[in-house]
N, C-alpha and C. Protein backbone atom coordinates (compact mmCIF):
# COMPACT_ATOMS: atom_id res chain seq x y z
N MET A 1 1.70 -11.22 -2.60
CA MET A 1 1.20 -12.64 -2.43
C MET A 1 1.13 -13.00 -0.90
N ASN A 2 0.18 -13.40 -0.21
CA ASN A 2 -0.07 -13.83 1.13
C ASN A 2 0.65 -14.87 1.47
N ASP A 3 0.93 -15.30 2.58
CA ASP A 3 1.65 -16.80 3.17
C ASP A 3 0.43 -17.87 2.83
N GLU A 4 -0.78 -17.57 2.90
CA GLU A 4 -1.38 -18.75 2.55
C GLU A 4 -1.35 -19.27 1.13
N VAL A 5 -1.51 -18.24 0.13
CA VAL A 5 -1.15 -18.27 -1.35
C VAL A 5 0.08 -19.23 -1.37
N PHE A 6 0.95 -18.56 -0.92
CA PHE A 6 2.39 -19.03 -1.01
C PHE A 6 2.51 -20.54 -0.68
N GLU A 7 1.80 -20.93 0.44
CA GLU A 7 1.87 -22.47 0.97
C GLU A 7 0.87 -23.08 0.11
N MET A 8 -0.35 -22.69 -0.50
CA MET A 8 -1.04 -23.41 -1.36
C MET A 8 -0.08 -23.83 -2.80
N LEU A 9 0.52 -22.90 -3.35
CA LEU A 9 1.41 -23.13 -4.57
C LEU A 9 2.74 -24.08 -4.25
N ARG A 10 3.19 -23.84 -2.87
CA ARG A 10 4.27 -24.85 -2.57
C ARG A 10 3.65 -26.15 -2.62
N HIS A 11 2.54 -26.34 -1.94
CA HIS A 11 1.75 -27.78 -1.87
C HIS A 11 1.63 -28.25 -3.08
N TYR A 12 1.07 -27.60 -4.39
CA TYR A 12 0.87 -27.74 -5.71
C TYR A 12 2.38 -28.22 -6.45
N LYS A 13 3.12 -27.39 -5.98
CA LYS A 13 4.45 -27.66 -6.73
C LYS A 13 5.28 -29.06 -6.42
N GLU A 14 4.91 -29.53 -4.93
CA GLU A 14 5.59 -30.35 -4.51
C GLU A 14 4.42 -31.61 -4.62
N GLY A 15 3.37 -31.59 -5.71
CA GLY A 15 2.17 -32.83 -5.81
C GLY A 15 1.45 -33.02 -4.68
N LYS A 16 1.33 -32.27 -3.76
CA LYS A 16 0.49 -32.50 -2.43
C LYS A 16 -1.08 -32.26 -2.71
N LEU A 17 -1.07 -31.19 -3.86
CA LEU A 17 -2.42 -30.66 -4.39
C LEU A 17 -2.71 -30.53 -5.56
N SER A 18 -3.85 -31.03 -5.80
CA SER A 18 -4.08 -31.14 -7.29
C SER A 18 -4.51 -29.31 -7.80
N LEU A 19 -4.52 -29.64 -9.45
CA LEU A 19 -4.83 -28.37 -9.74
C LEU A 19 -6.12 -27.60 -9.55
N GLU A 20 -7.44 -28.72 -9.40
CA GLU A 20 -8.41 -28.28 -8.91
C GLU A 20 -8.68 -28.16 -7.69
N GLY A 21 -7.55 -28.53 -6.69
CA GLY A 21 -7.65 -28.20 -5.41
C GLY A 21 -6.93 -27.07 -4.95
N LEU A 22 -6.08 -26.47 -5.77
CA LEU A 22 -5.43 -25.10 -5.86
C LEU A 22 -6.36 -24.28 -6.06
N ALA A 23 -7.22 -24.54 -7.23
CA ALA A 23 -8.14 -23.46 -7.55
C ALA A 23 -9.07 -23.21 -6.48
N LYS A 24 -9.59 -24.27 -6.13
CA LYS A 24 -10.82 -24.47 -4.73
C LYS A 24 -10.27 -23.33 -3.67
N LYS A 25 -9.08 -23.89 -3.08
CA LYS A 25 -8.32 -23.24 -1.97
C LYS A 25 -8.25 -21.65 -2.57
N LEU A 26 -7.78 -21.15 -3.70
CA LEU A 26 -7.57 -19.83 -3.65
C LEU A 26 -9.03 -19.26 -4.20
N ASP A 27 -10.08 -20.00 -4.46
CA ASP A 27 -11.27 -19.63 -4.99
C ASP A 27 -11.44 -18.75 -6.06
N ILE A 28 -10.61 -19.46 -7.32
CA ILE A 28 -10.26 -18.97 -8.55
C ILE A 28 -10.75 -20.05 -9.41
N SER A 29 -10.97 -19.96 -10.63
CA SER A 29 -11.45 -21.03 -11.69
C SER A 29 -9.94 -21.62 -12.08
N ILE A 30 -10.11 -22.82 -12.62
CA ILE A 30 -9.22 -23.51 -13.06
C ILE A 30 -8.02 -22.74 -13.89
N SER A 31 -8.76 -22.23 -15.02
CA SER A 31 -7.93 -21.48 -16.04
C SER A 31 -7.31 -20.22 -15.26
N GLU A 32 -8.02 -19.50 -14.53
CA GLU A 32 -7.05 -18.57 -13.69
C GLU A 32 -5.84 -19.31 -12.92
N ALA A 33 -5.85 -20.35 -12.26
CA ALA A 33 -4.80 -20.94 -11.38
C ALA A 33 -4.04 -21.50 -12.59
N ILE A 34 -4.22 -21.81 -13.79
CA ILE A 34 -3.30 -22.26 -14.99
C ILE A 34 -2.57 -20.93 -15.19
N ASP A 35 -3.12 -19.84 -15.43
CA ASP A 35 -2.63 -18.58 -15.81
C ASP A 35 -1.60 -18.22 -14.73
N LEU A 36 -2.06 -18.02 -13.23
CA LEU A 36 -1.24 -17.97 -12.12
C LEU A 36 0.13 -18.60 -11.90
N LEU A 37 0.23 -19.91 -12.33
CA LEU A 37 1.35 -20.91 -12.53
C LEU A 37 2.09 -20.31 -13.43
N ALA A 38 1.54 -20.24 -14.44
CA ALA A 38 2.21 -19.82 -15.76
C ALA A 38 3.19 -18.51 -15.20
N GLU A 39 2.39 -17.43 -14.70
CA GLU A 39 3.00 -16.39 -14.47
C GLU A 39 4.15 -16.29 -13.45
N LEU A 40 4.26 -17.54 -12.35
CA LEU A 40 5.24 -17.75 -11.49
C LEU A 40 6.14 -18.67 -12.04
N GLY A 41 6.02 -19.20 -13.38
CA GLY A 41 6.99 -20.11 -13.77
C GLY A 41 7.00 -21.66 -12.94
N ILE A 42 5.83 -21.76 -12.61
CA ILE A 42 5.71 -23.19 -11.99
C ILE A 42 5.23 -24.21 -13.06
N GLU A 43 5.82 -25.25 -13.00
CA GLU A 43 5.29 -26.31 -14.01
C GLU A 43 4.52 -27.21 -13.01
N ALA A 44 3.51 -28.09 -13.87
CA ALA A 44 2.84 -29.20 -13.24
C ALA A 44 3.79 -30.17 -12.97
N PRO A 45 3.52 -30.94 -11.89
CA PRO A 45 4.43 -32.27 -11.20
C PRO A 45 3.95 -33.38 -12.02
N ILE A 46 3.50 -33.29 -12.97
CA ILE A 46 2.89 -34.70 -13.85
C ILE A 46 3.83 -34.84 -14.98
N GLU A 47 3.43 -36.08 -15.44
CA GLU A 47 4.26 -36.42 -16.47
C GLU A 47 3.38 -36.17 -17.83
N PHE A 48 3.87 -35.75 -18.92
CA PHE A 48 2.91 -35.55 -20.14
C PHE A 48 1.91 -36.73 -20.39
N ASP A 49 2.33 -37.94 -20.39
CA ASP A 49 1.49 -38.94 -20.50
C ASP A 49 0.30 -38.80 -19.63
N ASP A 50 0.42 -38.65 -18.33
CA ASP A 50 -0.78 -38.18 -17.56
C ASP A 50 -1.29 -37.42 -17.84
N TYR A 51 -0.76 -36.20 -18.27
CA TYR A 51 -1.76 -35.03 -18.80
C TYR A 51 -2.53 -35.41 -19.89
N LEU A 52 -2.06 -36.36 -21.00
CA LEU A 52 -2.74 -36.76 -21.84
C LEU A 52 -3.78 -37.45 -21.53
N LYS A 53 -3.72 -38.33 -20.67
CA LYS A 53 -4.83 -39.18 -20.06
C LYS A 53 -6.13 -38.47 -19.29
N GLY A 54 -5.58 -37.31 -18.63
CA GLY A 54 -6.59 -36.40 -18.18
C GLY A 54 -7.15 -35.53 -19.22
N PHE A 55 -6.65 -35.12 -20.20
CA PHE A 55 -7.34 -34.66 -21.04
C PHE A 55 -8.32 -35.37 -22.02
N GLU A 56 -8.08 -36.54 -22.26
CA GLU A 56 -9.33 -37.58 -22.74
C GLU A 56 -10.16 -37.85 -22.06
N VAL A 57 -10.00 -37.89 -20.82
CA VAL A 57 -11.30 -38.21 -19.71
C VAL A 57 -12.08 -36.71 -19.62
N PHE A 58 -11.40 -35.60 -19.71
CA PHE A 58 -12.23 -34.44 -19.84
C PHE A 58 -13.00 -34.17 -21.29
N LYS A 59 -12.40 -34.80 -22.21
CA LYS A 59 -12.94 -34.57 -23.67
C LYS A 59 -14.38 -35.43 -23.56
N GLU A 60 -14.21 -36.46 -22.81
CA GLU A 60 -15.80 -37.47 -22.61
C GLU A 60 -16.71 -37.08 -21.90
N LYS A 61 -16.24 -35.90 -21.13
CA LYS A 61 -17.51 -35.15 -20.56
C LYS A 61 -18.30 -34.37 -21.28
């Protein structure tokens, strides 16, 4: 893992970068970003209720 990837992951973990932003910066899909975060044991810096709200918005599209 290079320094740029590490920096982007750190920004995501600190809540300074969204999941979509992380995926775009790393030039990977959102599902690949989720897999990468899971492999590294990095949890999303959001509350579960926020996650559910985002999921509802996604379902409406």
